[in-house]
Each structure stands twice: as structure tokens, then as C-alpha cells.
Amino acid sequence: MESGTSTFDDWLELVGQAAATRDLHVSLDMISSQAEQAFGTRIWFAQLLGRRWSYLAGLKSERPAWSQAQKIPLTAGIGLVAESWGELSVREQERLKRFLERLVVFKRAMRRWG
């Protein structure tokens, strides 16, 4: 699915540019909204507190069905909660996960140095 991958790559680049000028929480909200609009993938972000996943950012109009959602740790302290994760190819899932991991680390570092 070359055109699908190209569309995803373009989307990821645009989202990355938009996230560069926003703080972490706003960036995560925007990414969540854009992922649903573009690909039908519903994602939220959670703060990891031991074994507990507590809502941090993402789609405000809905909350995930926690028991049915896929939980993916991104960094120490933040995880991705996804419904319809399978709407993305495995390659797209991995690229989005890597992008989000880097974004979280970068934004946290900027907050410390800012």
C-alpha cells in the first residue's frame, strides 16, 4: 500500500511540524485528534503511575474502553492507549510509536531547559 504509506509519511511530517511549536499536552491532544480524522485510529495518552494508566491527553469527547484498548508504553511515565490500532499498518504503528517517544523525550528536555 504505497500511497497509504506516503499519505501517512506526509501526515507524520505535518503533525511533527505543528507539534514543534506547542507544549507537550497540546501536541498530544492535536495528534490524537488528527490521527482519528486522518486514519480512524483513536488514541489517548496516559500517565503511567506504577501499574495504573491515568488519562493525560487525547480525545476529550470520548474515553477509551480501557479493557478493550491496546496499551503501549512510550517512555517512563507516558503511554499510548489505542482503539482501532489495526487501522494502521505495522510499519505505520512503529513509525508513530517512535515519533511519539522522541516527541515526549524532546518536550520534557525542553521544559527542563526552558
C-alpha atoms as a PDB file:
ATOM      1  CA  MET A   1       0.000   0.000   0.000  1.00  0.00           C
ATOM      2  CA  GLU A   2       2.468   2.617  -1.197  1.00  0.00           C
ATOM      3  CA  SER A   3       0.016   5.500  -1.476  1.00  0.00           C
ATOM      4  CA  GLY A   4      -1.248   4.784   2.057  1.00  0.00           C
ATOM      5  CA  THR A   5       2.285   4.812   3.416  1.00  0.00           C
ATOM      6  CA  SER A   6       3.071   8.016   1.540  1.00  0.00           C
ATOM      7  CA  THR A   7      -0.069   9.615   2.976  1.00  0.00           C
ATOM      8  CA  PHE A   8       0.976   8.508   6.463  1.00  0.00           C
ATOM      9  CA  ASP A   9       4.512   9.846   5.987  1.00  0.00           C
ATOM     10  CA  ASP A  10       3.133  13.206   4.816  1.00  0.00           C
ATOM     11  CA  TRP A  11       0.743  13.286   7.763  1.00  0.00           C
ATOM     12  CA  LEU A  12       3.504  12.462  10.237  1.00  0.00           C
ATOM     13  CA  GLU A  13       5.697  15.246   8.854  1.00  0.00           C
ATOM     14  CA  LEU A  14       2.881  17.811   9.098  1.00  0.00           C
ATOM     15  CA  VAL A  15       1.978  16.727  12.617  1.00  0.00           C
ATOM     16  CA  GLY A  16       5.638  16.925  13.628  1.00  0.00           C
ATOM     17  CA  GLN A  17       5.902  20.469  12.313  1.00  0.00           C
ATOM     18  CA  ALA A  18       2.754  21.532  14.166  1.00  0.00           C
ATOM     19  CA  ALA A  19       3.889  19.843  17.397  1.00  0.00           C
ATOM     20  CA  ALA A  20       7.233  21.639  17.293  1.00  0.00           C
ATOM     21  CA  THR A  21       5.620  24.928  18.322  1.00  0.00           C
ATOM     22  CA  ARG A  22       3.305  23.567  21.020  1.00  0.00           C
ATOM     23  CA  ASP A  23       3.796  22.256  24.524  1.00  0.00           C
ATOM     24  CA  LEU A  24       3.580  18.516  25.153  1.00  0.00           C
ATOM     25  CA  HIS A  25      -0.024  18.350  26.353  1.00  0.00           C
ATOM     26  CA  VAL A  26      -1.348  20.449  23.454  1.00  0.00           C
ATOM     27  CA  SER A  27       0.763  18.429  20.996  1.00  0.00           C
ATOM     28  CA  LEU A  28      -0.653  15.139  22.267  1.00  0.00           C
ATOM     29  CA  ASP A  29      -4.233  16.448  22.068  1.00  0.00           C
ATOM     30  CA  MET A  30      -3.629  17.607  18.481  1.00  0.00           C
ATOM     31  CA  ILE A  31      -2.011  14.326  17.420  1.00  0.00           C
ATOM     32  CA  SER A  32      -4.899  12.354  18.890  1.00  0.00           C
ATOM     33  CA  SER A  33      -7.475  14.420  17.036  1.00  0.00           C
ATOM     34  CA  GLN A  34      -5.550  14.341  13.763  1.00  0.00           C
ATOM     35  CA  ALA A  35      -4.997  10.562  13.909  1.00  0.00           C
ATOM     36  CA  GLU A  36      -8.720   9.957  14.254  1.00  0.00           C
ATOM     37  CA  GLN A  37      -9.583  12.326  11.402  1.00  0.00           C
ATOM     38  CA  ALA A  38      -6.913  11.023   9.045  1.00  0.00           C
ATOM     39  CA  PHE A  39      -6.901   7.285   9.743  1.00  0.00           C
ATOM     40  CA  GLY A  40      -9.809   6.399  12.024  1.00  0.00           C
ATOM     41  CA  THR A  41      -7.345   5.435  14.753  1.00  0.00           C
ATOM     42  CA  ARG A  42      -8.466   6.652  18.151  1.00  0.00           C
ATOM     43  CA  ILE A  43      -5.623   7.355  20.546  1.00  0.00           C
ATOM     44  CA  TRP A  44      -5.233   8.801  24.005  1.00  0.00           C
ATOM     45  CA  PHE A  45      -2.231   9.328  26.209  1.00  0.00           C
ATOM     46  CA  ALA A  46      -1.882   8.208  29.791  1.00  0.00           C
ATOM     47  CA  GLN A  47       0.410   8.975  32.655  1.00  0.00           C
ATOM     48  CA  LEU A  48       1.852   5.743  33.993  1.00  0.00           C
ATOM     49  CA  LEU A  49       1.715   5.551  37.765  1.00  0.00           C
ATOM     50  CA  GLY A  50       3.039   2.118  38.633  1.00  0.00           C
ATOM     51  CA  ARG A  51       0.511  -0.284  37.126  1.00  0.00           C
ATOM     52  CA  ARG A  52      -2.128   2.432  36.797  1.00  0.00           C
ATOM     53  CA  TRP A  53      -2.758   4.218  33.486  1.00  0.00           C
ATOM     54  CA  SER A  54      -4.329   7.618  34.135  1.00  0.00           C
ATOM     55  CA  TYR A  55      -5.750   9.824  31.338  1.00  0.00           C
ATOM     56  CA  LEU A  56      -3.334  12.592  30.344  1.00  0.00           C
ATOM     57  CA  ALA A  57      -4.341  13.860  26.889  1.00  0.00           C
ATOM     58  CA  GLY A  58      -6.214  12.929  23.758  1.00  0.00           C
ATOM     59  CA  LEU A  59      -9.761  12.808  22.520  1.00  0.00           C
ATOM     60  CA  LYS A  60     -11.777  14.795  25.014  1.00  0.00           C
ATOM     61  CA  SER A  61     -15.218  13.832  23.748  1.00  0.00           C
ATOM     62  CA  GLU A  62     -14.684  10.145  24.463  1.00  0.00           C
ATOM     63  CA  ARG A  63     -12.705   7.974  26.788  1.00  0.00           C
ATOM     64  CA  PRO A  64     -11.273   4.625  25.738  1.00  0.00           C
ATOM     65  CA  ALA A  65     -12.841   1.341  26.676  1.00  0.00           C
ATOM     66  CA  TRP A  66      -9.793   0.533  28.807  1.00  0.00           C
ATOM     67  CA  SER A  67     -10.434  -3.197  28.817  1.00  0.00           C
ATOM     68  CA  GLN A  68     -10.547  -3.351  25.002  1.00  0.00           C
ATOM     69  CA  ALA A  69      -7.880  -0.769  24.169  1.00  0.00           C
ATOM     70  CA  GLN A  70      -4.284  -1.573  23.346  1.00  0.00           C
ATOM     71  CA  LYS A  71      -1.865  -0.077  25.886  1.00  0.00           C
ATOM     72  CA  ILE A  72       1.600   0.774  24.592  1.00  0.00           C
ATOM     73  CA  PRO A  73       4.262   2.240  26.913  1.00  0.00           C
ATOM     74  CA  LEU A  74       6.176   5.053  25.189  1.00  0.00           C
ATOM     75  CA  THR A  75       8.571   6.306  27.838  1.00  0.00           C
ATOM     76  CA  ALA A  76       8.937   6.073  31.576  1.00  0.00           C
ATOM     77  CA  GLY A  77       5.789   7.781  32.717  1.00  0.00           C
ATOM     78  CA  ILE A  78       3.736   8.093  29.495  1.00  0.00           C
ATOM     79  CA  GLY A  79       1.866   5.528  27.442  1.00  0.00           C
ATOM     80  CA  LEU A  80      -0.335   5.390  24.359  1.00  0.00           C
ATOM     81  CA  VAL A  81      -3.844   3.942  24.584  1.00  0.00           C
ATOM     82  CA  ALA A  82      -5.268   2.984  21.189  1.00  0.00           C
ATOM     83  CA  GLU A  83      -8.527   1.747  19.748  1.00  0.00           C
ATOM     84  CA  SER A  84      -8.551   0.783  16.069  1.00  0.00           C
ATOM     85  CA  TRP A  85      -4.750   0.499  16.211  1.00  0.00           C
ATOM     86  CA  GLY A  86      -5.047  -2.105  13.465  1.00  0.00           C
ATOM     87  CA  GLU A  87      -6.217   0.605  11.049  1.00  0.00           C
ATOM     88  CA  LEU A  88      -2.524   1.450  10.711  1.00  0.00           C
ATOM     89  CA  SER A  89      -0.053  -0.931   9.105  1.00  0.00           C
ATOM     90  CA  VAL A  90       2.637  -2.430  11.344  1.00  0.00           C
ATOM     91  CA  ARG A  91       5.182  -0.070   9.742  1.00  0.00           C
ATOM     92  CA  GLU A  92       2.948   2.938  10.459  1.00  0.00           C
ATOM     93  CA  GLN A  93       2.384   1.787  14.042  1.00  0.00           C
ATOM     94  CA  GLU A  94       6.134   1.532  14.617  1.00  0.00           C
ATOM     95  CA  ARG A  95       6.851   4.898  12.985  1.00  0.00           C
ATOM     96  CA  LEU A  96       4.145   6.625  15.025  1.00  0.00           C
ATOM     97  CA  LYS A  97       5.374   4.998  18.229  1.00  0.00           C
ATOM     98  CA  ARG A  98       8.991   6.083  17.564  1.00  0.00           C
ATOM     99  CA  PHE A  99       7.830   9.603  16.676  1.00  0.00           C
ATOM    100  CA  LEU A 100       5.823   9.871  19.909  1.00  0.00           C
ATOM    101  CA  GLU A 101       8.675   8.510  22.029  1.00  0.00           C
ATOM    102  CA  ARG A 102      11.037  11.131  20.594  1.00  0.00           C
ATOM    103  CA  LEU A 103       8.458  13.900  20.951  1.00  0.00           C
ATOM    104  CA  VAL A 104       7.855  13.142  24.626  1.00  0.00           C
ATOM    105  CA  VAL A 105      11.578  12.970  25.417  1.00  0.00           C
ATOM    106  CA  PHE A 106      12.280  16.196  23.480  1.00  0.00           C
ATOM    107  CA  LYS A 107       9.404  18.159  25.052  1.00  0.00           C
ATOM    108  CA  ARG A 108      10.385  17.046  28.549  1.00  0.00           C
ATOM    109  CA  ALA A 109      14.000  18.066  27.935  1.00  0.00           C
ATOM    110  CA  MET A 110      12.913  21.447  26.593  1.00  0.00           C
ATOM    111  CA  ARG A 111      10.733  22.013  29.668  1.00  0.00           C
ATOM    112  CA  ARG A 112      13.727  21.310  31.931  1.00  0.00           C
ATOM    113  CA  TRP A 113      15.981  23.665  29.982  1.00  0.00           C
ATOM    114  CA  GLY A 114      13.310  26.248  29.209  1.00  0.00           C
END
